[in-house]
């Protein structure tokens, strides 16, 4: 039996659109084992327990890419990452499936190769890279080659995820973005990006507040998130906190050094019409985990 743990991720982080991703201590746990049936899925909602399951599809696609003979497999899923909320659920599924293929076929774990295969399936490395390596990663693709750099984030920073009871698909979130952008907006983001990375490493919250601002995607995506202004006001009432849209949304992420804000936030959210959950998270600096049992 192969036991796998894969973390949630939060992408973009303000100005790092389609570039930055951060691994968080919220996990999908998946086991793979050889089976007498072609395949069997357990532990997930009925709508996902079929051959269209992203973990299963990624497992089979990894076999195909690696030219491995398809094998019978039983997959048991314990998912703690909410779907379509901007916390990297699809990336976690893809990495789980690819890593599962390596384990079942007794292949040596090659993180760079897993990054390439998983990105080929997912389409973008921004969530895939931190899922594999942990920490904060900056990634881009050039001539089909993936470049990734990992940064270790200050352990003083706490990430409060404001997760609503409604979904927002990445495709719909992309549709609201303009086809063209102004040079001034591009410079606005680019000038902040390296300073934001440095501030996240050092834990300088004041610098994070200024450098996390964005003009390329958040102003457009906020319009799709019901009660976003109310949530922003709740966060802004805490002087040592700053917000950004996690991935494509609708989760709103708050960065703070205060470890005691969960109850305060939860009480204020009770006044909103939608149901919002708060998760207090920290950075996962390890990424995907694997062991043979």
Protein backbone atom coordinates (compact mmCIF):
# COMPACT_ATOMS: atom_id res chain seq x y z
CA UNK A 1 0.00 0.00 0.00
CA UNK A 2 1.16 3.51 -0.87
CA UNK A 3 0.18 6.36 1.49
CA UNK A 4 0.29 9.89 0.10
CA UNK A 5 -0.32 13.31 1.67
CA UNK A 6 -0.62 16.33 -0.61
CA UNK A 7 -1.09 19.93 0.63
CA UNK A 8 -3.52 22.64 -0.37
CA UNK A 9 -2.04 25.64 -2.13
CA UNK A 10 -2.88 29.31 -2.48
CA UNK A 11 -1.84 30.90 -5.76
CA UNK A 12 -1.22 34.39 -7.20
CA UNK A 13 -0.86 36.07 -3.76
CA UNK A 14 -1.69 39.50 -5.13
CA UNK A 15 0.71 40.58 -7.91
CA UNK A 16 2.05 37.08 -8.64
CA UNK A 17 -0.69 36.21 -11.14
CA UNK A 18 -0.14 32.70 -12.59
CA UNK A 19 3.37 32.78 -11.09
CA UNK A 20 3.37 32.47 -7.29
CA UNK A 21 2.02 29.61 -5.22
CA UNK A 22 2.23 28.77 -1.53
CA UNK A 23 1.77 25.42 0.20
CA UNK A 24 -0.50 25.24 3.29
CA UNK A 25 -1.00 22.70 6.09
CA UNK A 26 -4.35 21.44 4.81
CA UNK A 27 -4.15 18.04 3.12
CA UNK A 28 -5.65 15.41 0.90
CA UNK A 29 -4.64 11.93 2.07
CA UNK A 30 -4.78 9.17 -0.53
CA UNK A 31 -3.84 5.49 -0.46
CA UNK A 32 -3.12 3.35 -3.52
CA UNK A 33 -2.92 -0.43 -3.54
CA UNK A 34 -2.91 -3.20 -6.10
CA UNK A 35 -6.37 -4.65 -6.61
CA UNK A 36 -8.20 -7.55 -8.21
CA UNK A 37 -10.55 -5.12 -10.03
CA UNK A 38 -9.45 -2.78 -12.83
CA UNK A 39 -10.07 0.07 -10.43
CA UNK A 40 -12.03 0.98 -7.31
CA UNK A 41 -12.48 4.37 -5.69
CA UNK A 42 -13.43 4.92 -2.07
CA UNK A 43 -13.88 7.84 0.31
CA UNK A 44 -15.10 10.51 -2.12
CA UNK A 45 -18.55 11.85 -3.00
CA UNK A 46 -20.59 9.63 -5.29
CA UNK A 47 -20.33 12.14 -8.17
CA UNK A 48 -16.52 11.76 -8.13
CA UNK A 49 -16.34 7.98 -7.70
CA UNK A 50 -15.93 7.10 -11.38
CA UNK A 51 -13.32 7.05 -14.15
CA UNK A 52 -13.57 10.85 -14.46
CA UNK A 53 -12.10 11.26 -10.98
CA UNK A 54 -9.09 13.56 -11.37
CA UNK A 55 -6.84 11.47 -9.13
CA UNK A 56 -7.63 8.32 -11.11
CA UNK A 57 -7.29 10.09 -14.48
CA UNK A 58 -3.92 11.55 -13.43
CA UNK A 59 -2.77 8.12 -12.27
CA UNK A 60 -3.58 6.63 -15.68
CA UNK A 61 -2.10 9.58 -17.57
CA UNK A 62 1.15 9.25 -15.61
CA UNK A 63 1.27 5.56 -16.54
CA UNK A 64 0.83 6.50 -20.20
CA UNK A 65 3.48 9.24 -20.17
CA UNK A 66 5.95 7.02 -18.31
CA UNK A 67 5.15 4.10 -20.64
CA UNK A 68 4.13 1.86 -17.75
CA UNK A 69 1.79 -1.08 -18.17
CA UNK A 70 -1.62 -0.13 -16.67
CA UNK A 71 -2.23 -1.97 -13.44
CA UNK A 72 -5.34 -2.67 -11.36
CA UNK A 73 -5.61 -0.18 -8.52
CA UNK A 74 -7.74 0.64 -5.49
CA UNK A 75 -7.73 4.30 -4.42
CA UNK A 76 -8.99 5.53 -1.04
CA UNK A 77 -9.38 9.30 -0.73
CA UNK A 78 -9.66 11.41 2.43
CA UNK A 79 -10.08 14.94 1.13
CA UNK A 80 -9.84 17.99 3.40
CA UNK A 81 -9.27 20.51 0.59
CA UNK A 82 -12.56 22.10 -0.53
CA UNK A 83 -13.33 21.87 -4.26
CA UNK A 84 -13.50 24.97 -6.50
CA UNK A 85 -12.64 27.37 -3.68
CA UNK A 86 -9.23 28.62 -4.82
CA UNK A 87 -7.16 26.33 -2.59
CA UNK A 88 -5.55 24.15 -5.24
CA UNK A 89 -7.87 21.14 -5.01
CA UNK A 90 -7.31 20.13 -8.64
CA UNK A 91 -3.52 20.46 -8.33
CA UNK A 92 -3.59 18.29 -5.21
CA UNK A 93 -5.59 15.63 -7.07
CA UNK A 94 -3.24 15.68 -10.06
CA UNK A 95 -0.09 15.42 -7.92
CA UNK A 96 -1.70 12.63 -5.87
CA UNK A 97 -2.48 10.61 -9.00
CA UNK A 98 0.97 11.07 -10.53
CA UNK A 99 2.78 10.28 -7.27
CA UNK A 100 0.52 7.25 -6.83
CA UNK A 101 1.63 5.91 -10.21
CA UNK A 102 5.29 6.22 -9.15
CA UNK A 103 4.56 4.35 -5.92
CA UNK A 104 2.48 1.52 -7.37
CA UNK A 105 5.06 0.89 -10.09
CA UNK A 106 8.03 1.15 -7.69
CA UNK A 107 9.64 4.03 -9.57
CA UNK A 108 12.14 6.26 -7.79
CA UNK A 109 10.55 9.58 -6.84
CA UNK A 110 11.76 12.31 -9.20
CA UNK A 111 10.22 15.64 -8.17
CA UNK A 112 11.28 17.46 -11.33
CA UNK A 113 9.75 14.76 -13.51
CA UNK A 114 6.57 14.74 -11.40
CA UNK A 115 6.40 18.53 -11.81
CA UNK A 116 6.61 18.17 -15.59
CA UNK A 117 3.98 15.40 -15.79
CA UNK A 118 1.58 17.09 -13.36
CA UNK A 119 1.91 20.47 -15.10
CA UNK A 120 1.26 18.78 -18.43
CA UNK A 121 -2.02 17.51 -16.98
CA UNK A 122 -3.00 20.64 -15.00
CA UNK A 123 -1.80 23.25 -17.50
CA UNK A 124 -0.07 25.63 -15.07
CA UNK A 125 2.75 25.09 -12.54
CA UNK A 126 1.69 27.84 -10.09
CA UNK A 127 -0.26 25.45 -7.83
CA UNK A 128 1.59 22.28 -8.85
CA UNK A 129 5.07 23.46 -7.82
CA UNK A 130 4.30 24.33 -4.16
CA UNK A 131 2.20 21.16 -3.93
CA UNK A 132 5.34 19.17 -4.74
CA UNK A 133 8.12 21.23 -3.12
CA UNK A 134 6.31 23.04 -0.30
CA UNK A 135 6.92 26.64 0.73
CA UNK A 136 6.49 29.54 -1.67
CA UNK A 137 7.39 28.91 -5.31
CA UNK A 138 7.74 31.17 -8.33
CA UNK A 139 7.33 29.34 -11.64
CA UNK A 140 7.19 29.92 -15.37
CA UNK A 141 7.33 27.88 -18.58
CA UNK A 142 9.70 28.62 -21.46
CA UNK A 143 9.81 26.42 -24.58
CA UNK A 144 7.99 23.66 -22.65
CA UNK A 145 10.65 23.78 -19.92
CA UNK A 146 9.46 24.55 -16.38
CA UNK A 147 11.53 26.85 -14.19
CA UNK A 148 10.75 26.87 -10.45
CA UNK A 149 12.36 28.57 -7.48
CA UNK A 150 11.41 27.76 -3.88
CA UNK A 151 11.44 30.30 -1.04
CA UNK A 152 11.01 29.56 2.66
CA UNK A 153 8.37 31.76 4.26
CA UNK A 154 8.61 33.28 7.72
CA UNK A 155 7.04 31.02 10.35
CA UNK A 156 5.59 34.14 12.01
CA UNK A 157 2.94 34.47 9.30
CA UNK A 158 -0.52 33.02 9.84
CA UNK A 159 -2.92 32.49 6.92
CA UNK A 160 -6.63 32.76 7.69
CA UNK A 161 -8.71 31.28 4.88
CA UNK A 162 -12.23 32.74 4.57
CA UNK A 163 -13.99 29.91 2.72
CA UNK A 164 -17.59 30.50 1.54
CA UNK A 165 -20.27 27.89 0.95
CA UNK A 166 -20.36 28.70 -2.77
CA UNK A 167 -17.99 27.65 -5.55
CA UNK A 168 -16.23 29.59 -8.30
CA UNK A 169 -14.64 27.72 -11.18
CA UNK A 170 -11.24 28.83 -12.50
CA UNK A 171 -12.61 28.99 -16.06
CA UNK A 172 -15.40 31.39 -15.05
CA UNK A 173 -12.94 33.44 -13.02
CA UNK A 174 -10.66 33.78 -16.03
CA UNK A 175 -13.48 34.88 -18.31
CA UNK A 176 -13.87 38.20 -16.48
CA UNK A 177 -10.23 39.20 -17.03
CA UNK A 178 -9.48 41.74 -19.79
CA UNK A 179 -7.77 40.52 -22.95
CA UNK A 180 -5.37 43.48 -22.87
CA UNK A 181 -3.73 45.35 -19.99
CA UNK A 182 -2.07 48.75 -19.68
CA UNK A 183 1.70 49.06 -19.32
CA UNK A 184 1.23 51.03 -16.12
CA UNK A 185 -0.69 48.14 -14.57
CA UNK A 186 1.95 45.61 -15.65
CA UNK A 187 4.69 47.75 -14.09
CA UNK A 188 2.56 48.17 -10.95
CA UNK A 189 2.54 44.38 -10.45
CA UNK A 190 6.07 43.64 -11.60
CA UNK A 191 7.62 46.26 -9.31
CA UNK A 192 5.91 44.72 -6.29
CA UNK A 193 6.62 41.05 -6.98
CA UNK A 194 10.28 40.72 -5.85
CA UNK A 195 9.66 42.92 -2.82
CA UNK A 196 6.63 40.83 -1.83
CA UNK A 197 8.68 37.63 -1.98
CA UNK A 198 11.37 39.17 0.22
CA UNK A 199 8.77 40.43 2.70
CA UNK A 200 7.12 37.01 2.93
CA UNK A 201 10.54 35.48 3.66
CA UNK A 202 11.33 37.99 6.41
CA UNK A 203 7.77 38.28 7.75
CA UNK A 204 7.71 42.07 7.30
CA UNK A 205 3.94 42.63 7.41
CA UNK A 206 4.10 46.36 6.68
CA UNK A 207 5.96 45.70 3.44
CA UNK A 208 3.58 42.85 2.60
CA UNK A 209 0.63 45.25 2.91
CA UNK A 210 2.03 47.52 0.21
CA UNK A 211 3.61 44.94 -2.08
CA UNK A 212 0.68 42.48 -2.18
CA UNK A 213 -1.52 44.93 -4.11
CA UNK A 214 -2.63 43.90 -7.60
CA UNK A 215 -4.18 45.43 -10.71
CA UNK A 216 -4.23 42.49 -13.14
CA UNK A 217 -6.84 40.09 -11.75
CA UNK A 218 -8.23 40.88 -8.29
CA UNK A 219 -10.28 44.00 -9.21
CA UNK A 220 -12.13 41.91 -11.81
CA UNK A 221 -12.51 38.71 -9.80
CA UNK A 222 -13.80 40.49 -6.71
CA UNK A 223 -16.99 41.26 -8.66
CA UNK A 224 -17.74 37.50 -8.81
CA UNK A 225 -17.42 36.96 -5.05
CA UNK A 226 -20.59 37.69 -3.10
CA UNK A 227 -20.01 39.70 0.10
CA UNK A 228 -16.34 40.28 -0.72
CA UNK A 229 -16.54 43.90 0.46
CA UNK A 230 -18.00 42.84 3.80
CA UNK A 231 -15.22 40.26 4.27
CA UNK A 232 -12.56 42.83 3.37
CA UNK A 233 -13.96 45.22 5.99
CA UNK A 234 -13.79 42.49 8.64
CA UNK A 235 -10.13 41.84 7.81
CA UNK A 236 -9.22 45.53 7.60
CA UNK A 237 -10.53 46.11 11.12
CA UNK A 238 -7.47 44.18 12.32
CA UNK A 239 -4.51 46.54 11.94
CA UNK A 240 -1.95 43.77 11.56
CA UNK A 241 -3.77 41.96 8.75
CA UNK A 242 -3.85 42.08 4.96
CA UNK A 243 -6.03 40.25 2.43
CA UNK A 244 -5.83 38.80 -1.09
CA UNK A 245 -7.94 36.49 -3.27
CA UNK A 246 -6.68 32.91 -3.02
CA UNK A 247 -6.15 31.55 -6.52
CA UNK A 248 -9.18 32.21 -8.68
CA UNK A 249 -11.39 32.61 -5.59
CA UNK A 250 -13.83 32.64 -3.97
CA UNK A 251 -11.69 32.05 -0.83
CA UNK A 252 -10.35 35.28 0.63
CA UNK A 253 -7.02 34.89 2.40
CA UNK A 254 -5.87 37.02 5.31
CA UNK A 255 -2.20 37.21 6.34
CA UNK A 256 -1.45 38.17 9.93
CA UNK A 257 0.99 37.54 12.77
CA UNK A 258 -1.83 37.33 15.29
CA UNK A 259 -2.56 33.67 16.13
CA UNK A 260 -5.79 34.47 17.98
CA UNK A 261 -8.05 35.92 15.28
CA UNK A 262 -10.08 32.85 14.32
CA UNK A 263 -12.83 33.33 16.90
CA UNK A 264 -13.02 37.06 16.24
CA UNK A 265 -13.41 36.51 12.51
CA UNK A 266 -15.92 33.69 13.01
CA UNK A 267 -18.19 35.86 15.17
CA UNK A 268 -18.20 38.72 12.66
CA UNK A 269 -18.94 36.38 9.76
CA UNK A 270 -22.13 35.21 11.46
CA UNK A 271 -23.75 38.50 10.42
CA UNK A 272 -23.32 37.75 6.70
CA UNK A 273 -25.99 36.04 4.59
CA UNK A 274 -23.64 33.38 3.19
CA UNK A 275 -22.02 30.73 5.33
CA UNK A 276 -18.27 31.40 5.66
CA UNK A 277 -15.81 29.09 7.41
CA UNK A 278 -12.47 30.17 8.84
CA UNK A 279 -9.39 27.97 8.75
CA UNK A 280 -6.21 29.09 10.50
CA UNK A 281 -3.30 27.79 8.44
CA UNK A 282 0.47 28.01 8.26
CA UNK A 283 2.95 27.36 5.50
CA UNK A 284 3.85 23.75 4.70
CA UNK A 285 7.54 23.76 3.78
CA UNK A 286 7.76 20.08 2.80
CA UNK A 287 5.13 19.57 0.10
CA UNK A 288 3.91 16.13 -1.01
CA UNK A 289 4.71 13.20 1.28
CA UNK A 290 4.92 9.54 0.36
CA UNK A 291 5.50 6.28 2.19
CA UNK A 292 5.13 2.60 1.47
CA UNK A 293 3.21 0.69 4.15
